[in-house]
Protein backbone atom coordinates (compact mmCIF):
# COMPACT_ATOMS: atom_id res chain seq x y z
CA MET A 1 0.00 0.00 0.00
CA ALA A 2 2.81 2.41 0.97
CA TYR A 3 0.83 5.55 1.64
CA GLN A 4 3.80 7.41 3.14
CA THR A 5 3.02 10.58 1.21
CA SER A 6 1.90 13.90 2.63
CA LEU A 7 -1.54 12.30 3.07
CA GLY A 8 0.01 9.32 4.83
CA MET A 9 1.96 11.49 7.21
CA LEU A 10 -1.19 13.47 7.94
CA ILE A 11 -3.05 10.25 8.74
CA ASP A 12 -0.23 9.24 11.10
CA GLU A 13 -0.52 12.53 12.95
CA VAL A 14 -4.32 12.34 13.15
CA VAL A 15 -4.18 8.81 14.59
CA TYR A 16 -1.58 9.87 17.16
CA GLU A 17 -3.43 13.04 18.16
CA GLN A 18 -6.76 11.23 18.48
CA LEU A 19 -5.17 8.51 20.60
CA ILE A 20 -3.50 11.03 22.91
CA GLU A 21 -6.72 13.03 23.32
CA PHE A 22 -8.89 10.05 24.22
CA MET A 23 -6.25 8.48 26.43
CA ALA A 24 -6.01 11.71 28.42
CA ASN A 25 -9.78 11.81 28.89
CA VAL A 26 -9.95 8.44 30.66
CA ASP A 27 -6.49 7.87 32.13
CA ILE A 28 -6.78 8.73 35.83
CA SER A 29 -3.51 7.02 36.79
CA ARG A 30 -1.58 10.30 36.70
CA GLU A 31 -4.20 11.96 38.87
CA ILE A 32 -3.91 9.27 41.55
CA PHE A 33 -0.12 8.93 41.67
CA PRO A 34 2.36 11.65 40.65
CA VAL A 35 4.55 10.71 37.69
CA GLU A 36 8.27 10.13 38.07
CA LYS A 37 10.11 9.45 34.81
CA ARG A 38 13.12 7.15 34.81
CA GLY A 39 15.74 6.96 32.09
CA GLU A 40 17.50 3.61 32.44
CA GLY A 41 17.14 -0.03 33.41
CA ASP A 42 14.40 -2.61 32.98
CA SER A 43 13.31 -2.50 36.63
CA ILE A 44 12.75 -0.08 39.47
CA LYS A 45 13.75 -0.32 43.13
CA ILE A 46 10.78 0.66 45.29
CA VAL A 47 10.96 1.65 48.95
CA LYS A 48 7.69 1.34 50.88
CA GLU A 49 7.60 3.01 54.27
CA GLY A 50 5.76 2.28 57.51
CA ASP A 51 4.59 4.70 60.17
CA TRP A 52 6.98 7.39 61.35
CA PRO A 53 7.78 7.39 65.08
CA GLU A 54 6.95 10.46 67.12
CA ALA A 55 9.59 13.03 68.03
CA GLU A 56 10.68 13.12 71.66
CA VAL A 57 12.18 15.63 74.05
CA VAL A 58 15.97 15.25 74.24
CA ALA A 59 17.84 16.19 77.40
CA GLU A 60 20.89 18.42 77.18
CA GLY A 61 23.92 16.37 76.23
CA ALA A 62 21.84 13.24 75.64
CA GLU A 63 22.11 11.17 72.50
CA VAL A 64 19.43 11.93 69.91
CA PRO A 65 17.56 8.74 68.98
CA ILE A 66 17.17 7.65 65.38
CA TYR A 67 13.75 8.50 63.99
CA GLN A 68 12.80 6.68 60.84
CA PRO A 69 10.04 4.30 59.77
CA ASP A 70 10.47 0.68 58.96
CA TYR A 71 11.19 0.34 55.26
CA VAL A 72 10.44 -2.51 52.89
CA GLU A 73 12.55 -2.46 49.74
CA PHE A 74 11.82 -4.53 46.64
CA THR A 75 12.46 -4.48 42.90
CA GLU A 76 9.77 -4.55 40.21
CA THR A 77 10.13 -4.95 36.44
CA TYR A 78 8.49 -2.30 34.29
CA LYS A 79 5.27 -3.30 32.54
CA LYS A 80 5.04 -2.89 28.77
CA VAL A 81 1.57 -2.19 27.37
CA GLY A 82 0.97 -2.19 23.64
CA TYR A 83 -1.92 -1.49 21.27
CA ARG A 84 -2.11 -1.66 17.48
CA VAL A 85 -4.16 0.42 15.04
CA GLN A 86 -4.63 -1.14 11.58
CA ILE A 87 -5.38 0.89 8.46
CA THR A 88 -6.24 -0.93 5.25
CA HIS A 89 -5.68 0.35 1.72
CA GLU A 90 -9.45 0.54 1.26
CA MET A 91 -9.88 2.74 4.33
CA ILE A 92 -7.58 5.27 2.66
CA THR A 93 -8.84 5.12 -0.90
CA ASP A 94 -12.49 5.09 0.23
CA GLN A 95 -11.76 7.96 2.62
CA ARG A 96 -13.09 6.18 5.68
CA TRP A 97 -11.72 8.84 8.00
CA ASP A 98 -14.43 8.05 10.57
CA MET A 99 -13.16 4.49 10.93
CA ILE A 100 -9.56 5.66 11.25
CA ARG A 101 -10.47 8.17 13.95
CA ARG A 102 -12.59 5.59 15.76
CA ALA A 103 -9.74 3.08 15.78
CA ALA A 104 -7.33 5.68 17.16
CA ARG A 105 -9.79 6.79 19.83
CA LYS A 106 -10.43 3.23 20.94
CA ALA A 107 -6.69 2.57 21.21
CA GLY A 108 -6.23 5.63 23.42
CA HIS A 109 -9.28 4.71 25.46
CA GLN A 110 -8.05 1.18 26.14
CA ILE A 111 -4.49 2.19 27.03
CA GLY A 112 -5.84 4.82 29.42
CA LEU A 113 -8.19 2.33 31.09
CA LYS A 114 -5.41 -0.23 31.45
CA MET A 115 -3.13 2.21 33.26
CA SER A 116 -6.03 3.36 35.41
CA ILE A 117 -7.00 -0.11 36.64
CA ASP A 118 -3.35 -0.99 37.33
CA VAL A 119 -2.92 2.05 39.57
CA LEU A 120 -6.29 1.53 41.26
CA ARG A 121 -5.53 -2.11 42.06
CA GLU A 122 -2.15 -1.14 43.47
CA ALA A 123 -3.75 1.56 45.62
CA TRP A 124 -6.66 -0.38 47.06
CA GLY A 125 -4.59 -3.54 47.44
CA SER A 126 -1.96 -1.72 49.51
CA ALA A 127 -4.15 0.67 51.49
CA GLY A 128 -2.95 1.06 55.05
CA ILE A 129 -6.47 1.43 56.47
CA GLN A 130 -9.04 -0.95 55.00
CA THR A 131 -11.47 -1.45 57.85
CA TYR A 132 -13.81 1.48 57.29
CA THR A 133 -17.42 0.48 56.65
CA VAL A 134 -19.64 3.23 55.30
CA SER A 135 -23.09 4.15 56.57
CA GLY A 136 -25.16 2.56 53.81
CA ARG A 137 -25.62 2.49 50.07
CA TRP A 138 -25.09 6.06 48.89
CA GLY A 139 -28.35 7.63 47.79
CA GLY A 140 -30.33 5.34 50.10
CA ALA A 141 -32.48 6.22 53.10
CA ASN A 142 -29.78 5.38 55.66
CA SER A 143 -26.78 6.78 53.84
CA ASP A 144 -24.58 9.58 55.17
CA GLU A 145 -22.21 10.44 52.33
CA ILE A 146 -20.79 13.52 54.05
CA GLY A 147 -20.21 11.58 57.25
CA ASP A 148 -18.45 8.77 55.38
CA ILE A 149 -16.08 11.16 53.64
CA ALA A 150 -15.45 13.06 56.88
CA ASN A 151 -14.66 9.85 58.76
CA CYS A 152 -12.17 8.75 56.13
CA ILE A 153 -10.52 12.17 56.24
CA GLY A 154 -10.23 11.66 59.98
CA LEU A 155 -8.63 8.24 59.57
CA LEU A 156 -5.93 9.63 57.30
CA SER A 157 -5.43 12.71 59.46
CA THR A 158 -4.63 10.54 62.48
CA LYS A 159 -1.75 9.19 60.40
CA ASN A 160 -0.59 12.75 59.68
CA TYR A 161 -1.71 12.74 56.06
CA PHE A 162 -3.95 15.26 54.36
CA PRO A 163 -6.20 13.58 51.79
CA ASP A 164 -7.13 15.52 48.69
CA THR A 165 -8.46 12.94 46.22
CA VAL A 166 -11.47 10.61 46.20
CA VAL A 167 -12.05 8.08 43.41
CA VAL A 168 -15.59 6.82 42.83
CA HIS A 169 -17.63 4.86 40.30
CA PRO A 170 -19.79 7.03 37.97
CA LYS A 171 -22.97 5.86 39.70
CA ASP A 172 -21.61 6.93 43.07
CA TYR A 173 -20.54 10.25 41.57
CA ALA A 174 -24.16 10.79 40.52
CA ARG A 175 -25.21 10.31 44.14
CA LEU A 176 -22.60 12.76 45.41
CA ALA A 177 -23.56 15.29 42.74
CA ALA A 178 -27.07 15.45 44.18
CA LEU A 179 -25.75 16.82 47.49
CA ASP A 180 -25.81 20.55 48.19
CA GLU A 181 -22.19 20.39 49.38
CA PHE A 182 -20.95 19.13 46.00
CA ILE A 183 -19.22 21.72 43.78
CA HIS A 184 -19.22 20.81 40.10
CA ALA A 185 -15.96 21.11 38.18
CA ASP A 186 -17.18 23.96 35.98
CA LYS A 187 -17.84 26.03 39.12
CA LEU A 188 -14.38 25.65 40.63
CA GLY A 189 -12.90 28.51 38.63
CA GLU A 190 -9.78 26.66 37.52
CA SER A 191 -8.18 27.68 34.22
CA ALA A 192 -6.88 24.20 33.31
CA PRO A 193 -9.03 22.16 30.90
CA ILE A 194 -11.49 19.85 32.62
CA ARG A 195 -11.09 16.16 31.81
CA ARG A 196 -14.09 13.89 31.69
CA TYR A 197 -13.10 12.21 34.94
CA GLU A 198 -12.65 15.50 36.84
CA VAL A 199 -16.19 16.02 38.04
CA GLY A 200 -15.98 18.31 41.04
CA SER A 201 -15.14 18.71 44.70
CA ILE A 202 -16.67 18.01 48.10
CA MET A 203 -15.15 18.80 51.50
CA ASN A 204 -11.97 19.97 49.71
CA GLN A 205 -11.61 16.55 48.09
CA ASN A 206 -11.06 16.37 44.34
CA ILE A 207 -13.60 13.85 43.03
CA ILE A 208 -12.38 11.58 40.26
CA THR A 209 -14.76 9.18 38.55
CA THR A 210 -13.97 6.10 36.49
CA PRO A 211 -15.77 2.86 35.59
CA MET A 212 -12.57 1.08 36.61
CA MET A 213 -13.47 1.83 40.24
CA SER A 214 -15.85 -0.73 41.69
CA GLU A 215 -19.34 0.52 42.46
CA ASN A 216 -20.29 0.85 46.14
CA ASN A 217 -16.67 1.51 47.14
CA PHE A 218 -14.42 4.54 47.13
CA LEU A 219 -10.75 5.30 47.44
CA MET A 220 -9.37 8.28 49.36
CA LEU A 221 -5.73 9.27 49.44
CA ASP A 222 -3.13 11.93 50.04
CA ARG A 223 -1.86 12.16 46.48
CA GLU A 224 1.45 13.76 47.40
CA TYR A 225 2.58 10.79 49.50
CA ALA A 226 0.48 7.75 48.61
CA GLY A 227 2.39 6.43 45.62
CA VAL A 228 4.28 7.03 42.40
CA LEU A 229 3.70 6.14 38.77
CA PHE A 230 7.20 5.36 37.50
CA ILE A 231 7.34 5.80 33.72
CA ARG A 232 10.31 4.27 31.97
CA GLU A 233 9.11 5.10 28.46
CA ASP A 234 6.10 7.30 27.79
CA LEU A 235 3.79 6.68 24.86
CA ARG A 236 5.81 5.66 21.80
CA ARG A 237 4.57 4.83 18.32
CA ALA A 238 6.03 2.71 15.53
CA ASN A 239 4.72 2.32 11.99
CA TYR A 240 4.45 -1.13 10.40
CA ASN A 241 3.57 -2.53 6.99
CA GLU A 242 2.05 -5.93 6.07
CA VAL A 243 2.34 -6.08 2.29
CA THR A 244 0.62 -9.46 1.89
CA ARG A 245 -2.48 -8.13 3.66
CA ASP A 246 -2.34 -4.65 2.12
CA ILE A 247 -2.29 -3.14 5.62
CA GLU A 248 -0.33 -0.40 7.29
CA GLY A 249 -0.73 0.97 10.74
CA GLN A 250 0.79 2.09 14.00
CA VAL A 251 1.73 0.25 17.17
CA PHE A 252 1.77 2.15 20.45
CA PHE A 253 3.80 1.22 23.52
CA ILE A 254 4.21 2.54 27.04
CA ARG A 255 6.38 1.17 29.86
CA TYR A 256 5.61 1.95 33.49
CA ARG A 257 5.30 0.63 37.01
CA GLU A 258 2.85 1.77 39.65
CA ALA A 259 3.80 1.59 43.32
CA VAL A 260 2.33 2.54 46.68
CA ILE A 261 4.99 4.28 48.77
CA SER A 262 3.02 5.19 51.90
CA PRO A 263 0.18 2.70 52.55
CA SER A 264 -1.14 4.74 55.47
CA ALA A 265 -1.85 7.62 53.08
CA ILE A 266 -4.71 5.60 51.52
CA VAL A 267 -8.15 4.54 52.67
CA PHE A 268 -10.24 2.01 50.77
CA ALA A 269 -13.83 2.35 51.95
CA THR A 270 -16.34 -0.41 51.28
CA GLY A 271 -19.28 -2.27 52.75
CA TYR A 272 -22.34 -0.39 51.55
């Protein structure tokens, strides 16, 4: 097929731009854990910390005790996620631009969801406080959504963390949005573009919604300390050509590793 003309290069750019746009709209991984880019190696050494001991009064001339948490150190290999977009000769000659855009959007959507679920599973699987049971099914007669959020804030505060992010399922977001205390994202006055998952705020908590979060549960965390998304190689594309099938396309790769650093900076609330 060999469509590497000005039209072909334009198609490449459109596919890439569409993928990036739709990936950004669903990928909440970078909103849960801050990104730290690494430039070498096939693995990452991760240090997970326990609780910090309290400071003590030291008498004049006395030896100062060592204050540091218990650390657990381990090494993880980077994950490599890939997705392929195929473009046939007929899609070009018949000008099926809608199909090309749809394929690119779906690729971005799926890569974004994959990274999201990986980070969510790491967060709720390593949460330092997992015993909180909420009042009842949100939106129900016995539910106390504000009380549940306040109690989880209290749990993290007792560990000297300051939560700022809550992740919920879209159905649970709908229940929060019905509360008078909920501030919708378009009312927050921020200049940055609003992503589809950035829905608003309640009790100074940034509410993130994703179908990758299980319904009837929510995740609360102090984003600054909870974990890190280590990225070895951000989104990369490579063109390919299958002459016998009259197909060209692009393959997209990303290498990363998600890791909880401070388990006590996370609450996974469930039970309603």
